[in-house]
């Protein structure tokens, strides 16, 4: 039985084996390259996700800082309106207002993060 390669030329048995081996080697090399590309893509994806999480954390921290500054202003105004001196501790009513303002701030930050409108 005669052996023919792709170009329809006669080939010996060893040449056919070489062609077959090269095809198998090509397949292994392609598989290895594909696997390496997948590993690199996964690493790149992890790096991008890390950067995104860091950016989200920075935005969150900035929003919390602004919220705290706003609460501090409200506290100062409440203390002034109640006539509380500088070195005196806050009365219970101001403590209650502070906890209410902090919970409102947390709720508004969470709603803004989730894209929810709260009235």
C-alpha atoms as a PDB file:
ATOM      1  CA  UNK A   1       0.000   0.000   0.000  1.00  0.00           C
ATOM      2  CA  UNK A   2       1.427   3.330  -0.999  1.00  0.00           C
ATOM      3  CA  UNK A   3       1.671   6.232   1.414  1.00  0.00           C
ATOM      4  CA  UNK A   4       0.952   9.775   0.297  1.00  0.00           C
ATOM      5  CA  UNK A   5       1.446  13.075   2.106  1.00  0.00           C
ATOM      6  CA  UNK A   6      -0.561  16.287   1.688  1.00  0.00           C
ATOM      7  CA  UNK A   7       0.999  17.076  -1.662  1.00  0.00           C
ATOM      8  CA  UNK A   8       0.051  13.660  -2.994  1.00  0.00           C
ATOM      9  CA  UNK A   9       3.663  12.527  -3.212  1.00  0.00           C
ATOM     10  CA  UNK A  10       4.832   9.140  -2.202  1.00  0.00           C
ATOM     11  CA  UNK A  11       6.204   8.943   1.395  1.00  0.00           C
ATOM     12  CA  UNK A  12       8.014   6.248   3.293  1.00  0.00           C
ATOM     13  CA  UNK A  13       6.765   4.913   6.634  1.00  0.00           C
ATOM     14  CA  UNK A  14       9.313   6.950   8.635  1.00  0.00           C
ATOM     15  CA  UNK A  15       8.318  10.128   6.845  1.00  0.00           C
ATOM     16  CA  UNK A  16       4.662   9.413   7.691  1.00  0.00           C
ATOM     17  CA  UNK A  17       5.601   8.871  11.330  1.00  0.00           C
ATOM     18  CA  UNK A  18       7.546  12.142  11.352  1.00  0.00           C
ATOM     19  CA  UNK A  19       4.560  13.971   9.923  1.00  0.00           C
ATOM     20  CA  UNK A  20       2.292  12.353  12.483  1.00  0.00           C
ATOM     21  CA  UNK A  21       4.665  13.161  15.315  1.00  0.00           C
ATOM     22  CA  UNK A  22       5.020  16.727  14.203  1.00  0.00           C
ATOM     23  CA  UNK A  23       1.232  17.043  14.204  1.00  0.00           C
ATOM     24  CA  UNK A  24       1.086  15.606  17.712  1.00  0.00           C
ATOM     25  CA  UNK A  25       3.907  17.907  18.824  1.00  0.00           C
ATOM     26  CA  UNK A  26       2.125  20.847  17.246  1.00  0.00           C
ATOM     27  CA  UNK A  27      -1.021  19.963  19.148  1.00  0.00           C
ATOM     28  CA  UNK A  28       0.909  19.728  22.432  1.00  0.00           C
ATOM     29  CA  UNK A  29       2.652  23.032  21.795  1.00  0.00           C
ATOM     30  CA  UNK A  30      -0.643  24.717  20.919  1.00  0.00           C
ATOM     31  CA  UNK A  31      -2.242  23.323  24.064  1.00  0.00           C
ATOM     32  CA  UNK A  32       0.694  24.503  26.182  1.00  0.00           C
ATOM     33  CA  UNK A  33       0.563  27.988  24.625  1.00  0.00           C
ATOM     34  CA  UNK A  34      -3.197  28.183  25.144  1.00  0.00           C
ATOM     35  CA  UNK A  35      -2.794  27.192  28.781  1.00  0.00           C
ATOM     36  CA  UNK A  36      -0.031  29.769  29.309  1.00  0.00           C
ATOM     37  CA  UNK A  37      -2.203  32.465  27.687  1.00  0.00           C
ATOM     38  CA  UNK A  38      -5.082  31.530  29.999  1.00  0.00           C
ATOM     39  CA  UNK A  39      -2.824  31.821  33.051  1.00  0.00           C
ATOM     40  CA  UNK A  40      -1.584  35.237  31.908  1.00  0.00           C
ATOM     41  CA  UNK A  41      -5.131  36.424  31.188  1.00  0.00           C
ATOM     42  CA  UNK A  42      -6.256  35.290  34.635  1.00  0.00           C
ATOM     43  CA  UNK A  43      -3.360  37.135  36.277  1.00  0.00           C
ATOM     44  CA  UNK A  44      -4.168  40.272  34.296  1.00  0.00           C
ATOM     45  CA  UNK A  45      -7.817  39.982  35.329  1.00  0.00           C
ATOM     46  CA  UNK A  46      -6.839  39.636  38.974  1.00  0.00           C
ATOM     47  CA  UNK A  47      -4.637  42.725  38.741  1.00  0.00           C
ATOM     48  CA  UNK A  48      -7.436  44.727  37.111  1.00  0.00           C
ATOM     49  CA  UNK A  49      -9.888  43.597  39.784  1.00  0.00           C
ATOM     50  CA  UNK A  50      -7.446  44.601  42.517  1.00  0.00           C
ATOM     51  CA  UNK A  51      -7.083  48.060  40.978  1.00  0.00           C
ATOM     52  CA  UNK A  52     -10.859  48.421  40.745  1.00  0.00           C
ATOM     53  CA  UNK A  53     -11.323  47.396  44.382  1.00  0.00           C
ATOM     54  CA  UNK A  54      -8.679  49.918  45.443  1.00  0.00           C
ATOM     55  CA  UNK A  55     -10.401  52.673  43.459  1.00  0.00           C
ATOM     56  CA  UNK A  56     -13.786  51.763  44.955  1.00  0.00           C
ATOM     57  CA  UNK A  57     -12.274  51.793  48.457  1.00  0.00           C
ATOM     58  CA  UNK A  58     -10.750  55.232  47.843  1.00  0.00           C
ATOM     59  CA  UNK A  59     -14.125  56.609  46.711  1.00  0.00           C
ATOM     60  CA  UNK A  60     -15.821  55.045  49.751  1.00  0.00           C
ATOM     61  CA  UNK A  61     -13.229  56.482  52.152  1.00  0.00           C
ATOM     62  CA  UNK A  62     -13.622  59.949  50.627  1.00  0.00           C
ATOM     63  CA  UNK A  63     -17.414  59.780  50.969  1.00  0.00           C
ATOM     64  CA  UNK A  64     -17.110  58.678  54.623  1.00  0.00           C
ATOM     65  CA  UNK A  65     -14.667  61.520  55.310  1.00  0.00           C
ATOM     66  CA  UNK A  66     -17.047  64.072  53.808  1.00  0.00           C
ATOM     67  CA  UNK A  67     -19.926  62.591  55.790  1.00  0.00           C
ATOM     68  CA  UNK A  68     -17.914  62.814  59.024  1.00  0.00           C
ATOM     69  CA  UNK A  69     -17.034  66.451  58.311  1.00  0.00           C
ATOM     70  CA  UNK A  70     -20.708  67.201  57.751  1.00  0.00           C
ATOM     71  CA  UNK A  71     -21.643  65.524  61.034  1.00  0.00           C
ATOM     72  CA  UNK A  72     -18.909  67.455  62.861  1.00  0.00           C
ATOM     73  CA  UNK A  73     -20.378  70.714  61.537  1.00  0.00           C
ATOM     74  CA  UNK A  74     -23.853  69.671  62.689  1.00  0.00           C
ATOM     75  CA  UNK A  75     -22.480  68.764  66.130  1.00  0.00           C
ATOM     76  CA  UNK A  76     -20.748  72.126  66.442  1.00  0.00           C
ATOM     77  CA  UNK A  77     -23.959  73.939  65.490  1.00  0.00           C
ATOM     78  CA  UNK A  78     -26.024  71.868  67.950  1.00  0.00           C
ATOM     79  CA  UNK A  79     -23.540  72.482  70.774  1.00  0.00           C
ATOM     80  CA  UNK A  80     -23.571  76.203  70.031  1.00  0.00           C
ATOM     81  CA  UNK A  81     -27.384  76.306  69.932  1.00  0.00           C
ATOM     82  CA  UNK A  82     -27.607  74.458  73.263  1.00  0.00           C
ATOM     83  CA  UNK A  83     -24.922  76.596  74.873  1.00  0.00           C
ATOM     84  CA  UNK A  84     -22.568  73.710  75.650  1.00  0.00           C
ATOM     85  CA  UNK A  85     -19.052  74.884  76.429  1.00  0.00           C
ATOM     86  CA  UNK A  86     -15.927  73.689  74.675  1.00  0.00           C
ATOM     87  CA  UNK A  87     -14.595  71.327  77.351  1.00  0.00           C
ATOM     88  CA  UNK A  88     -17.945  69.899  78.438  1.00  0.00           C
ATOM     89  CA  UNK A  89     -19.091  66.540  77.206  1.00  0.00           C
ATOM     90  CA  UNK A  90     -22.018  66.249  74.858  1.00  0.00           C
ATOM     91  CA  UNK A  91     -25.465  65.967  76.476  1.00  0.00           C
ATOM     92  CA  UNK A  92     -27.573  62.860  75.858  1.00  0.00           C
ATOM     93  CA  UNK A  93     -29.703  64.678  73.300  1.00  0.00           C
ATOM     94  CA  UNK A  94     -26.632  65.472  71.185  1.00  0.00           C
ATOM     95  CA  UNK A  95     -25.451  61.857  71.497  1.00  0.00           C
ATOM     96  CA  UNK A  96     -28.835  60.768  70.188  1.00  0.00           C
ATOM     97  CA  UNK A  97     -28.610  63.211  67.261  1.00  0.00           C
ATOM     98  CA  UNK A  98     -25.066  62.026  66.484  1.00  0.00           C
ATOM     99  CA  UNK A  99     -26.126  58.371  66.323  1.00  0.00           C
ATOM    100  CA  UNK A 100     -29.085  59.332  64.119  1.00  0.00           C
ATOM    101  CA  UNK A 101     -26.866  61.363  61.768  1.00  0.00           C
ATOM    102  CA  UNK A 102     -24.298  58.551  61.553  1.00  0.00           C
ATOM    103  CA  UNK A 103     -26.955  55.968  60.717  1.00  0.00           C
ATOM    104  CA  UNK A 104     -28.430  58.296  58.079  1.00  0.00           C
ATOM    105  CA  UNK A 105     -24.954  58.838  56.623  1.00  0.00           C
ATOM    106  CA  UNK A 106     -24.287  55.081  56.493  1.00  0.00           C
ATOM    107  CA  UNK A 107     -27.644  54.437  54.861  1.00  0.00           C
ATOM    108  CA  UNK A 108     -27.151  57.180  52.272  1.00  0.00           C
ATOM    109  CA  UNK A 109     -23.627  55.953  51.443  1.00  0.00           C
ATOM    110  CA  UNK A 110     -24.875  52.390  51.055  1.00  0.00           C
ATOM    111  CA  UNK A 111     -27.804  53.537  48.914  1.00  0.00           C
ATOM    112  CA  UNK A 112     -25.487  55.626  46.726  1.00  0.00           C
ATOM    113  CA  UNK A 113     -23.166  52.653  46.309  1.00  0.00           C
ATOM    114  CA  UNK A 114     -26.019  50.358  45.338  1.00  0.00           C
ATOM    115  CA  UNK A 115     -27.696  52.984  43.145  1.00  0.00           C
ATOM    116  CA  UNK A 116     -30.873  53.157  45.219  1.00  0.00           C
ATOM    117  CA  UNK A 117     -32.884  56.346  45.635  1.00  0.00           C
ATOM    118  CA  UNK A 118     -33.961  56.950  49.244  1.00  0.00           C
ATOM    119  CA  UNK A 119     -36.197  59.834  50.197  1.00  0.00           C
END
